[in-house]
Amino acid sequence: MDISGKFYEDEVFNIENDELEEFEKQFPYKEKHVKDTQLDL
């Protein structure tokens, strides 16, 4: 495959940790897990 170009990540994806923690308070607690397949990314 011959693909070229540029990717620009929108500012909407740049969030602060304190904003994320405040947002997550809206949902029931869930334990976070990391799976082996995630480590490949």
PDB file of N, CA and C in Angstrom:
ATOM      1  N   MET A   1       0.834  -1.177   0.000  1.00  0.00           N
ATOM      2  CA  MET A   1       0.000   0.000   0.000  1.00  0.00           C
ATOM      3  C   MET A   1       0.883   1.246   0.000  1.00  0.00           C
ATOM      4  N   ASP A   2       0.547   2.195  -0.819  1.00  0.00           N
ATOM      5  CA  ASP A   2       1.299   3.449  -0.877  1.00  0.00           C
ATOM      6  C   ASP A   2       0.409   4.566  -0.352  1.00  0.00           C
ATOM      7  N   ILE A   3       0.610   4.909   0.913  1.00  0.00           N
ATOM      8  CA  ILE A   3      -0.215   5.926   1.562  1.00  0.00           C
ATOM      9  C   ILE A   3       0.691   7.036   2.077  1.00  0.00           C
ATOM     10  N   SER A   4       0.277   8.254   1.845  1.00  0.00           N
ATOM     11  CA  SER A   4       1.043   9.378   2.382  1.00  0.00           C
ATOM     12  C   SER A   4       0.079  10.436   2.896  1.00  0.00           C
ATOM     13  N   GLY A   5       0.601  11.333   3.684  1.00  0.00           N
ATOM     14  CA  GLY A   5      -0.231  12.401   4.222  1.00  0.00           C
ATOM     15  C   GLY A   5       0.202  12.760   5.626  1.00  0.00           C
ATOM     16  N   LYS A   6      -0.575  13.623   6.246  1.00  0.00           N
ATOM     17  CA  LYS A   6      -0.300  14.058   7.613  1.00  0.00           C
ATOM     18  C   LYS A   6      -1.546  13.881   8.453  1.00  0.00           C
ATOM     19  N   PHE A   7      -1.332  13.580   9.726  1.00  0.00           N
ATOM     20  CA  PHE A   7      -2.433  13.443  10.673  1.00  0.00           C
ATOM     21  C   PHE A   7      -2.304  14.555  11.697  1.00  0.00           C
ATOM     22  N   TYR A   8      -3.368  15.293  11.873  1.00  0.00           N
ATOM     23  CA  TYR A   8      -3.399  16.350  12.875  1.00  0.00           C
ATOM     24  C   TYR A   8      -4.429  15.985  13.931  1.00  0.00           C
ATOM     25  N   GLU A   9      -3.971  15.800  15.157  1.00  0.00           N
ATOM     26  CA  GLU A   9      -4.880  15.469  16.251  1.00  0.00           C
ATOM     27  C   GLU A   9      -5.551  16.745  16.736  1.00  0.00           C
ATOM     28  N   ASP A  10      -6.866  16.717  16.829  1.00  0.00           N
ATOM     29  CA  ASP A  10      -7.636  17.882  17.250  1.00  0.00           C
ATOM     30  C   ASP A  10      -7.375  18.206  18.718  1.00  0.00           C
ATOM     31  N   GLU A  11      -7.446  19.465  19.070  1.00  0.00           N
ATOM     32  CA  GLU A  11      -7.245  19.920  20.448  1.00  0.00           C
ATOM     33  C   GLU A  11      -8.236  19.287  21.423  1.00  0.00           C
ATOM     34  N   VAL A  12      -9.388  18.843  20.923  1.00  0.00           N
ATOM     35  CA  VAL A  12     -10.408  18.262  21.802  1.00  0.00           C
ATOM     36  C   VAL A  12      -9.870  17.024  22.534  1.00  0.00           C
ATOM     37  N   PHE A  13      -8.830  16.395  22.000  1.00  0.00           N
ATOM     38  CA  PHE A  13      -8.270  15.196  22.619  1.00  0.00           C
ATOM     39  C   PHE A  13      -7.223  15.506  23.682  1.00  0.00           C
ATOM     40  N   ASN A  14      -6.849  16.751  23.834  1.00  0.00           N
ATOM     41  CA  ASN A  14      -5.879  17.154  24.860  1.00  0.00           C
ATOM     42  C   ASN A  14      -6.628  17.524  26.127  1.00  0.00           C
ATOM     43  N   ILE A  15      -6.595  16.629  27.114  1.00  0.00           N
ATOM     44  CA  ILE A  15      -7.296  16.882  28.369  1.00  0.00           C
ATOM     45  C   ILE A  15      -6.316  16.771  29.534  1.00  0.00           C
ATOM     46  N   GLU A  16      -6.632  17.460  30.592  1.00  0.00           N
ATOM     47  CA  GLU A  16      -5.818  17.424  31.804  1.00  0.00           C
ATOM     48  C   GLU A  16      -6.302  16.277  32.691  1.00  0.00           C
ATOM     49  N   ASN A  17      -5.382  15.694  33.460  1.00  0.00           N
ATOM     50  CA  ASN A  17      -5.739  14.575  34.334  1.00  0.00           C
ATOM     51  C   ASN A  17      -6.824  14.944  35.332  1.00  0.00           C
ATOM     52  N   ASP A  18      -6.775  16.161  35.880  1.00  0.00           N
ATOM     53  CA  ASP A  18      -7.795  16.549  36.853  1.00  0.00           C
ATOM     54  C   ASP A  18      -9.173  16.653  36.197  1.00  0.00           C
ATOM     55  N   GLU A  19      -9.230  17.076  34.929  1.00  0.00           N
ATOM     56  CA  GLU A  19     -10.502  17.109  34.202  1.00  0.00           C
ATOM     57  C   GLU A  19     -11.031  15.691  33.984  1.00  0.00           C
ATOM     58  N   LEU A  20     -10.128  14.774  33.661  1.00  0.00           N
ATOM     59  CA  LEU A  20     -10.514  13.382  33.445  1.00  0.00           C
ATOM     60  C   LEU A  20     -11.043  12.764  34.734  1.00  0.00           C
ATOM     61  N   GLU A  21     -10.354  12.985  35.836  1.00  0.00           N
ATOM     62  CA  GLU A  21     -10.793  12.435  37.121  1.00  0.00           C
ATOM     63  C   GLU A  21     -12.168  12.967  37.507  1.00  0.00           C
ATOM     64  N   GLU A  22     -12.403  14.239  37.271  1.00  0.00           N
ATOM     65  CA  GLU A  22     -13.701  14.837  37.583  1.00  0.00           C
ATOM     66  C   GLU A  22     -14.797  14.218  36.712  1.00  0.00           C
ATOM     67  N   PHE A  23     -14.507  14.008  35.447  1.00  0.00           N
ATOM     68  CA  PHE A  23     -15.463  13.390  34.529  1.00  0.00           C
ATOM     69  C   PHE A  23     -15.789  11.961  34.959  1.00  0.00           C
ATOM     70  N   GLU A  24     -14.755  11.200  35.344  1.00  0.00           N
ATOM     71  CA  GLU A  24     -14.951   9.798  35.710  1.00  0.00           C
ATOM     72  C   GLU A  24     -15.758   9.627  36.995  1.00  0.00           C
ATOM     73  N   LYS A  25     -15.861  10.649  37.816  1.00  0.00           N
ATOM     74  CA  LYS A  25     -16.652  10.573  39.049  1.00  0.00           C
ATOM     75  C   LYS A  25     -18.137  10.364  38.760  1.00  0.00           C
ATOM     76  N   GLN A  26     -18.559  10.632  37.534  1.00  0.00           N
ATOM     77  CA  GLN A  26     -19.961  10.474  37.148  1.00  0.00           C
ATOM     78  C   GLN A  26     -20.369   9.005  37.002  1.00  0.00           C
ATOM     79  N   PHE A  27     -19.388   8.104  36.959  1.00  0.00           N
ATOM     80  CA  PHE A  27     -19.641   6.702  36.664  1.00  0.00           C
ATOM     81  C   PHE A  27     -19.275   5.818  37.849  1.00  0.00           C
ATOM     82  N   PRO A  28     -19.901   4.643  37.953  1.00  0.00           N
ATOM     83  CA  PRO A  28     -19.544   3.710  39.032  1.00  0.00           C
ATOM     84  C   PRO A  28     -18.069   3.303  38.927  1.00  0.00           C
ATOM     85  N   TYR A  29     -17.477   3.004  40.072  1.00  0.00           N
ATOM     86  CA  TYR A  29     -16.072   2.616  40.109  1.00  0.00           C
ATOM     87  C   TYR A  29     -15.852   1.327  39.331  1.00  0.00           C
ATOM     88  N   LYS A  30     -14.803   1.305  38.536  1.00  0.00           N
ATOM     89  CA  LYS A  30     -14.366   0.094  37.829  1.00  0.00           C
ATOM     90  C   LYS A  30     -12.859   0.001  37.993  1.00  0.00           C
ATOM     91  N   GLU A  31     -12.398  -1.180  38.330  1.00  0.00           N
ATOM     92  CA  GLU A  31     -10.960  -1.377  38.443  1.00  0.00           C
ATOM     93  C   GLU A  31     -10.349  -1.371  37.048  1.00  0.00           C
ATOM     94  N   LYS A  32      -9.237  -0.645  36.896  1.00  0.00           N
ATOM     95  CA  LYS A  32      -8.594  -0.553  35.591  1.00  0.00           C
ATOM     96  C   LYS A  32      -7.653  -1.733  35.406  1.00  0.00           C
ATOM     97  N   HIS A  33      -7.644  -2.270  34.196  1.00  0.00           N
ATOM     98  CA  HIS A  33      -6.790  -3.400  33.848  1.00  0.00           C
ATOM     99  C   HIS A  33      -5.992  -3.058  32.599  1.00  0.00           C
ATOM    100  N   VAL A  34      -4.779  -3.574  32.535  1.00  0.00           N
ATOM    101  CA  VAL A  34      -3.965  -3.453  31.333  1.00  0.00           C
ATOM    102  C   VAL A  34      -3.732  -4.861  30.820  1.00  0.00           C
ATOM    103  N   LYS A  35      -4.082  -5.076  29.557  1.00  0.00           N
ATOM    104  CA  LYS A  35      -3.903  -6.395  28.954  1.00  0.00           C
ATOM    105  C   LYS A  35      -2.647  -6.390  28.088  1.00  0.00           C
ATOM    106  N   ASP A  36      -2.071  -7.570  27.895  1.00  0.00           N
ATOM    107  CA  ASP A  36      -0.835  -7.699  27.127  1.00  0.00           C
ATOM    108  C   ASP A  36      -0.945  -7.075  25.740  1.00  0.00           C
ATOM    109  N   THR A  37      -2.110  -7.217  25.114  1.00  0.00           N
ATOM    110  CA  THR A  37      -2.272  -6.681  23.761  1.00  0.00           C
ATOM    111  C   THR A  37      -2.219  -5.158  23.737  1.00  0.00           C
ATOM    112  N   GLN A  38      -2.532  -4.502  24.846  1.00  0.00           N
ATOM    113  CA  GLN A  38      -2.459  -3.043  24.905  1.00  0.00           C
ATOM    114  C   GLN A  38      -1.009  -2.562  24.948  1.00  0.00           C
ATOM    115  N   LEU A  39      -0.123  -3.378  25.464  1.00  0.00           N
ATOM    116  CA  LEU A  39       1.273  -2.983  25.606  1.00  0.00           C
ATOM    117  C   LEU A  39       1.975  -2.888  24.259  1.00  0.00           C
ATOM    118  N   ASP A  40       1.428  -3.550  23.236  1.00  0.00           N
ATOM    119  CA  ASP A  40       2.015  -3.513  21.900  1.00  0.00           C
ATOM    120  C   ASP A  40       1.807  -2.165  21.225  1.00  0.00           C
ATOM    121  N   LEU A  41       0.853  -1.394  21.710  1.00  0.00           N
ATOM    122  CA  LEU A  41       0.569  -0.100  21.080  1.00  0.00           C
ATOM    123  C   LEU A  41       1.545   0.887  21.607  1.00  0.00           C
TER     124      LEU A  41
END
